[in-house]
Amino acid sequence: MSNRYLIHTDRVSMRHVCGDDYEEITALTHDSAELHHPWIPGRDNTREAFDGFLDRIAQLTHEGLVICLRQTGAIVGGVNINNIVRGSMQSGMLGYVAYASTTGRGYMSEGLRLVMQFAFTDLGLHRLEANIQPENTASLKLVKRLGFHREGYSPGFQYINGTWQDHERWALTADTIPAPPHQATRR
């Protein structure tokens, strides 16, 4: 296993996204367009846009991570912790994406548990928030399975595909994180 991985289970590993991921992520995004529509805003998939994304996640207020199969290193999902607030808040907003070729196998559930552990331990965050469109039942089931609790409803929360979309707000705090079903190991 590569020492680039921050944490892993028997099946998946988590690491920071890097410039070398551009081609794989671009292909996965293209192949997953139907899965992602209408939940994710359209994106520019040029190298320049990807480099801009890397610049954004290099800031102290963002973390960009990928979930990979432990045995092969193939990327199965992407996770961002955005808008990290320090001080008395210690919180971040979680964004994630699964890819069509590997959905339905539990990789994202397992990977997001790693991200939660990383956020609460390594980053010292107290709270993670996920904002999800009410019709995105797969994503809602995922956060429920991970122990998030619905806190509210945000009308016109995010501009996606030409309209302001409503979202449900779900959150989890470090003191309420459920025990993982799979043992995580540090590199």
C-alpha atoms as a PDB file:
ATOM      1  CA  MET A   1       0.000   0.000   0.000  1.00  0.00           C
ATOM      2  CA  SER A   2       1.249   3.476  -0.865  1.00  0.00           C
ATOM      3  CA  ASN A   3       2.299   5.754   1.982  1.00  0.00           C
ATOM      4  CA  ARG A   4       0.129   8.452   0.357  1.00  0.00           C
ATOM      5  CA  TYR A   5      -2.885   6.934   2.083  1.00  0.00           C
ATOM      6  CA  LEU A   6      -3.901   8.663   5.280  1.00  0.00           C
ATOM      7  CA  ILE A   7      -6.136   5.922   6.654  1.00  0.00           C
ATOM      8  CA  HIS A   8      -7.647   2.685   5.387  1.00  0.00           C
ATOM      9  CA  THR A   9      -9.874  -0.287   6.059  1.00  0.00           C
ATOM     10  CA  ASP A  10      -9.474  -3.717   4.499  1.00  0.00           C
ATOM     11  CA  ARG A  11     -11.375  -2.536   1.400  1.00  0.00           C
ATOM     12  CA  VAL A  12     -10.833   1.193   0.933  1.00  0.00           C
ATOM     13  CA  SER A  13      -8.200   3.830   1.533  1.00  0.00           C
ATOM     14  CA  MET A  14      -8.383   7.603   1.753  1.00  0.00           C
ATOM     15  CA  ARG A  15      -5.826  10.105   0.507  1.00  0.00           C
ATOM     16  CA  HIS A  16      -5.581  13.704  -0.652  1.00  0.00           C
ATOM     17  CA  VAL A  17      -6.509  14.337  -4.262  1.00  0.00           C
ATOM     18  CA  CYS A  18      -3.528  15.328  -6.437  1.00  0.00           C
ATOM     19  CA  GLY A  19      -2.699  16.537  -9.934  1.00  0.00           C
ATOM     20  CA  ASP A  20      -2.027  12.993 -11.133  1.00  0.00           C
ATOM     21  CA  ASP A  21      -5.730  12.197 -10.532  1.00  0.00           C
ATOM     22  CA  TYR A  22      -6.960  14.485 -13.324  1.00  0.00           C
ATOM     23  CA  GLU A  23      -7.402  11.887 -16.077  1.00  0.00           C
ATOM     24  CA  GLU A  24      -8.975   9.237 -13.833  1.00  0.00           C
ATOM     25  CA  ILE A  25     -11.392  11.677 -12.202  1.00  0.00           C
ATOM     26  CA  THR A  26     -12.314  13.220 -15.563  1.00  0.00           C
ATOM     27  CA  ALA A  27     -13.100   9.782 -17.027  1.00  0.00           C
ATOM     28  CA  LEU A  28     -15.076   8.741 -13.931  1.00  0.00           C
ATOM     29  CA  THR A  29     -17.044  12.003 -13.976  1.00  0.00           C
ATOM     30  CA  HIS A  30     -17.866  11.570 -17.664  1.00  0.00           C
ATOM     31  CA  ASP A  31     -18.975   7.969 -17.161  1.00  0.00           C
ATOM     32  CA  SER A  32     -21.095   8.995 -14.139  1.00  0.00           C
ATOM     33  CA  ALA A  33     -22.914  11.966 -15.730  1.00  0.00           C
ATOM     34  CA  GLU A  34     -26.296  10.212 -15.613  1.00  0.00           C
ATOM     35  CA  LEU A  35     -25.809   9.198 -11.966  1.00  0.00           C
ATOM     36  CA  HIS A  36     -24.849  12.750 -10.968  1.00  0.00           C
ATOM     37  CA  HIS A  37     -27.637  14.538 -12.842  1.00  0.00           C
ATOM     38  CA  PRO A  38     -29.427  16.622 -11.537  1.00  0.00           C
ATOM     39  CA  TRP A  39     -27.685  16.643  -8.144  1.00  0.00           C
ATOM     40  CA  ILE A  40     -24.302  18.081  -9.029  1.00  0.00           C
ATOM     41  CA  PRO A  41     -23.673  21.356 -10.893  1.00  0.00           C
ATOM     42  CA  GLY A  42     -22.205  21.037 -14.377  1.00  0.00           C
ATOM     43  CA  ARG A  43     -18.442  21.334 -14.292  1.00  0.00           C
ATOM     44  CA  ASP A  44     -15.697  22.379 -16.615  1.00  0.00           C
ATOM     45  CA  ASN A  45     -13.533  19.261 -16.978  1.00  0.00           C
ATOM     46  CA  THR A  46     -10.476  20.994 -18.441  1.00  0.00           C
ATOM     47  CA  ARG A  47      -7.020  20.649 -16.928  1.00  0.00           C
ATOM     48  CA  GLU A  48      -7.118  24.347 -16.061  1.00  0.00           C
ATOM     49  CA  ALA A  49     -10.362  23.925 -14.100  1.00  0.00           C
ATOM     50  CA  PHE A  50      -8.901  20.914 -12.272  1.00  0.00           C
ATOM     51  CA  ASP A  51      -5.797  22.940 -11.397  1.00  0.00           C
ATOM     52  CA  GLY A  52      -8.106  25.673 -10.056  1.00  0.00           C
ATOM     53  CA  PHE A  53      -9.834  23.047  -7.902  1.00  0.00           C
ATOM     54  CA  LEU A  54      -6.426  21.910  -6.592  1.00  0.00           C
ATOM     55  CA  ASP A  55      -5.575  25.532  -5.741  1.00  0.00           C
ATOM     56  CA  ARG A  56      -8.874  25.892  -3.836  1.00  0.00           C
ATOM     57  CA  ILE A  57      -8.413  22.711  -1.796  1.00  0.00           C
ATOM     58  CA  ALA A  58      -4.848  23.748  -0.944  1.00  0.00           C
ATOM     59  CA  GLN A  59      -6.337  26.526   1.199  1.00  0.00           C
ATOM     60  CA  LEU A  60      -6.668  26.003   4.956  1.00  0.00           C
ATOM     61  CA  THR A  61     -10.454  26.227   4.594  1.00  0.00           C
ATOM     62  CA  HIS A  62     -10.738  23.152   2.346  1.00  0.00           C
ATOM     63  CA  GLU A  63      -9.692  19.498   2.165  1.00  0.00           C
ATOM     64  CA  GLY A  64      -9.920  17.474  -1.041  1.00  0.00           C
ATOM     65  CA  LEU A  65      -9.875  13.704  -0.638  1.00  0.00           C
ATOM     66  CA  VAL A  66     -10.419  10.601  -2.718  1.00  0.00           C
ATOM     67  CA  ILE A  67     -11.647   7.196  -1.643  1.00  0.00           C
ATOM     68  CA  CYS A  68      -9.760   4.396  -3.382  1.00  0.00           C
ATOM     69  CA  LEU A  69      -9.922   0.632  -3.502  1.00  0.00           C
ATOM     70  CA  ARG A  70      -7.174  -0.470  -1.163  1.00  0.00           C
ATOM     71  CA  GLN A  71      -5.899  -3.298  -3.334  1.00  0.00           C
ATOM     72  CA  THR A  72      -5.753  -1.458  -6.681  1.00  0.00           C
ATOM     73  CA  GLY A  73      -5.736   2.247  -5.835  1.00  0.00           C
ATOM     74  CA  ALA A  74      -8.645   2.861  -8.221  1.00  0.00           C
ATOM     75  CA  ILE A  75     -10.704   5.900  -7.231  1.00  0.00           C
ATOM     76  CA  VAL A  76     -14.291   5.083  -6.200  1.00  0.00           C
ATOM     77  CA  GLY A  77     -15.352   8.466  -4.808  1.00  0.00           C
ATOM     78  CA  GLY A  78     -14.392  12.027  -4.042  1.00  0.00           C
ATOM     79  CA  VAL A  79     -14.977  13.962  -0.833  1.00  0.00           C
ATOM     80  CA  ASN A  80     -14.433  17.611  -0.008  1.00  0.00           C
ATOM     81  CA  ILE A  81     -14.581  19.259   3.366  1.00  0.00           C
ATOM     82  CA  ASN A  82     -15.408  22.835   2.397  1.00  0.00           C
ATOM     83  CA  ASN A  83     -15.726  26.110   4.270  1.00  0.00           C
ATOM     84  CA  ILE A  84     -13.791  24.911   7.297  1.00  0.00           C
ATOM     85  CA  VAL A  85     -14.290  27.333  10.177  1.00  0.00           C
ATOM     86  CA  ARG A  86     -11.860  27.269  13.097  1.00  0.00           C
ATOM     87  CA  GLY A  87     -12.063  28.917  16.498  1.00  0.00           C
ATOM     88  CA  SER A  88     -15.194  28.270  18.496  1.00  0.00           C
ATOM     89  CA  MET A  89     -16.962  26.581  15.532  1.00  0.00           C
ATOM     90  CA  GLN A  90     -14.495  23.870  14.365  1.00  0.00           C
ATOM     91  CA  SER A  91     -16.835  22.853  11.538  1.00  0.00           C
ATOM     92  CA  GLY A  92     -16.847  22.015   7.857  1.00  0.00           C
ATOM     93  CA  MET A  93     -19.303  21.320   5.062  1.00  0.00           C
ATOM     94  CA  LEU A  94     -19.104  17.894   3.505  1.00  0.00           C
ATOM     95  CA  GLY A  95     -19.471  17.355  -0.225  1.00  0.00           C
ATOM     96  CA  TYR A  96     -19.071  13.957  -1.855  1.00  0.00           C
ATOM     97  CA  VAL A  97     -19.521  12.069  -5.073  1.00  0.00           C
ATOM     98  CA  ALA A  98     -19.622   8.370  -5.895  1.00  0.00           C
ATOM     99  CA  TYR A  99     -18.846   7.017  -9.358  1.00  0.00           C
ATOM    100  CA  ALA A 100     -21.194   4.846 -11.394  1.00  0.00           C
ATOM    101  CA  SER A 101     -18.754   1.991 -11.942  1.00  0.00           C
ATOM    102  CA  THR A 102     -18.572   1.157  -8.226  1.00  0.00           C
ATOM    103  CA  THR A 103     -21.874   2.230  -6.661  1.00  0.00           C
ATOM    104  CA  GLY A 104     -23.920  -0.120  -4.521  1.00  0.00           C
ATOM    105  CA  ARG A 105     -20.956  -1.893  -2.915  1.00  0.00           C
ATOM    106  CA  GLY A 106     -20.641   0.137   0.276  1.00  0.00           C
ATOM    107  CA  TYR A 107     -17.362   1.791  -0.680  1.00  0.00           C
ATOM    108  CA  MET A 108     -18.658   5.331  -0.108  1.00  0.00           C
ATOM    109  CA  SER A 109     -20.186   4.446   3.266  1.00  0.00           C
ATOM    110  CA  GLU A 110     -16.891   2.962   4.339  1.00  0.00           C
ATOM    111  CA  GLY A 111     -14.868   5.808   2.816  1.00  0.00           C
ATOM    112  CA  LEU A 112     -17.008   8.522   4.373  1.00  0.00           C
ATOM    113  CA  ARG A 113     -16.517   6.902   7.774  1.00  0.00           C
ATOM    114  CA  LEU A 114     -12.771   7.302   7.180  1.00  0.00           C
ATOM    115  CA  VAL A 115     -13.316  10.943   6.224  1.00  0.00           C
ATOM    116  CA  MET A 116     -15.345  11.510   9.391  1.00  0.00           C
ATOM    117  CA  GLN A 117     -12.592   9.965  11.503  1.00  0.00           C
ATOM    118  CA  PHE A 118      -9.984  12.121   9.727  1.00  0.00           C
ATOM    119  CA  ALA A 119     -12.090  15.277  10.167  1.00  0.00           C
ATOM    120  CA  PHE A 120     -12.745  14.738  13.863  1.00  0.00           C
ATOM    121  CA  THR A 121      -9.289  13.435  14.766  1.00  0.00           C
ATOM    122  CA  ASP A 122      -6.622  14.817  12.411  1.00  0.00           C
ATOM    123  CA  LEU A 123      -8.359  18.089  11.542  1.00  0.00           C
ATOM    124  CA  GLY A 124      -9.788  18.581  15.032  1.00  0.00           C
ATOM    125  CA  LEU A 125     -13.244  19.462  13.745  1.00  0.00           C
ATOM    126  CA  HIS A 126     -16.275  19.157  15.990  1.00  0.00           C
ATOM    127  CA  ARG A 127     -19.036  19.277  13.370  1.00  0.00           C
ATOM    128  CA  LEU A 128     -19.617  18.154   9.778  1.00  0.00           C
ATOM    129  CA  GLU A 129     -22.614  19.342   7.797  1.00  0.00           C
ATOM    130  CA  ALA A 130     -24.031  17.862   4.577  1.00  0.00           C
ATOM    131  CA  ASN A 131     -26.594  19.717   2.459  1.00  0.00           C
ATOM    132  CA  ILE A 132     -28.660  17.461   0.196  1.00  0.00           C
ATOM    133  CA  GLN A 133     -31.481  18.042  -2.245  1.00  0.00           C
ATOM    134  CA  PRO A 134     -34.703  16.496  -0.844  1.00  0.00           C
ATOM    135  CA  GLU A 135     -35.227  14.300  -3.913  1.00  0.00           C
ATOM    136  CA  ASN A 136     -31.715  12.798  -3.736  1.00  0.00           C
ATOM    137  CA  THR A 137     -32.849   9.727  -1.827  1.00  0.00           C
ATOM    138  CA  ALA A 138     -29.598   7.790  -2.282  1.00  0.00           C
ATOM    139  CA  SER A 139     -27.577  10.553  -0.658  1.00  0.00           C
ATOM    140  CA  LEU A 140     -30.129  11.016   2.125  1.00  0.00           C
ATOM    141  CA  LYS A 141     -30.011   7.287   2.895  1.00  0.00           C
ATOM    142  CA  LEU A 142     -26.208   7.461   2.984  1.00  0.00           C
ATOM    143  CA  VAL A 143     -26.012  10.251   5.568  1.00  0.00           C
ATOM    144  CA  LYS A 144     -28.696   8.600   7.693  1.00  0.00           C
ATOM    145  CA  ARG A 145     -26.704   5.353   7.610  1.00  0.00           C
ATOM    146  CA  LEU A 146     -23.615   7.304   8.729  1.00  0.00           C
ATOM    147  CA  GLY A 147     -25.422   8.753  11.755  1.00  0.00           C
ATOM    148  CA  PHE A 148     -26.121  12.293  10.533  1.00  0.00           C
ATOM    149  CA  HIS A 149     -29.243  13.997  11.906  1.00  0.00           C
ATOM    150  CA  ARG A 150     -31.575  16.261   9.941  1.00  0.00           C
ATOM    151  CA  GLU A 151     -31.395  19.785  11.292  1.00  0.00           C
ATOM    152  CA  GLY A 152     -33.438  21.780   8.862  1.00  0.00           C
ATOM    153  CA  TYR A 153     -34.382  22.890   5.397  1.00  0.00           C
ATOM    154  CA  SER A 154     -32.631  25.577   3.348  1.00  0.00           C
ATOM    155  CA  PRO A 155     -34.705  27.027   0.486  1.00  0.00           C
ATOM    156  CA  GLY A 156     -32.703  28.167  -2.548  1.00  0.00           C
ATOM    157  CA  PHE A 157     -29.456  26.906  -0.999  1.00  0.00           C
ATOM    158  CA  GLN A 158     -27.310  26.187  -4.082  1.00  0.00           C
ATOM    159  CA  TYR A 159     -27.394  27.206  -7.740  1.00  0.00           C
ATOM    160  CA  ILE A 160     -27.431  24.004  -9.786  1.00  0.00           C
ATOM    161  CA  ASN A 161     -28.224  23.619 -13.480  1.00  0.00           C
ATOM    162  CA  GLY A 162     -29.748  27.064 -13.830  1.00  0.00           C
ATOM    163  CA  THR A 163     -31.941  27.239 -10.713  1.00  0.00           C
ATOM    164  CA  TRP A 164     -31.564  27.726  -6.983  1.00  0.00           C
ATOM    165  CA  GLN A 165     -32.164  24.320  -5.400  1.00  0.00           C
ATOM    166  CA  ASP A 166     -33.578  23.665  -1.933  1.00  0.00           C
ATOM    167  CA  HIS A 167     -31.547  21.425   0.367  1.00  0.00           C
ATOM    168  CA  GLU A 168     -31.990  19.538   3.607  1.00  0.00           C
ATOM    169  CA  ARG A 169     -29.296  20.238   6.194  1.00  0.00           C
ATOM    170  CA  TRP A 170     -27.854  17.202   7.968  1.00  0.00           C
ATOM    171  CA  ALA A 171     -25.084  17.275  10.569  1.00  0.00           C
ATOM    172  CA  LEU A 172     -22.955  15.119  12.817  1.00  0.00           C
ATOM    173  CA  THR A 173     -20.710  16.110  15.707  1.00  0.00           C
ATOM    174  CA  ALA A 174     -17.595  14.425  17.013  1.00  0.00           C
ATOM    175  CA  ASP A 175     -19.312  13.431  20.249  1.00  0.00           C
ATOM    176  CA  THR A 176     -22.143  11.650  18.397  1.00  0.00           C
ATOM    177  CA  ILE A 177     -20.159   9.752  15.768  1.00  0.00           C
ATOM    178  CA  PRO A 178     -21.237   6.100  15.644  1.00  0.00           C
ATOM    179  CA  ALA A 179     -18.626   3.359  15.952  1.00  0.00           C
ATOM    180  CA  PRO A 180     -17.443   2.181  12.518  1.00  0.00           C
ATOM    181  CA  PRO A 181     -18.343  -1.342  11.431  1.00  0.00           C
ATOM    182  CA  HIS A 182     -14.889  -1.762   9.818  1.00  0.00           C
ATOM    183  CA  GLN A 183     -11.647  -1.212  11.673  1.00  0.00           C
ATOM    184  CA  ALA A 184      -9.696   1.744  10.282  1.00  0.00           C
ATOM    185  CA  THR A 185      -5.913   1.709  10.302  1.00  0.00           C
ATOM    186  CA  ARG A 186      -3.438   4.550   9.968  1.00  0.00           C
ATOM    187  CA  ARG A 187      -0.720   4.200   7.378  1.00  0.00           C
END
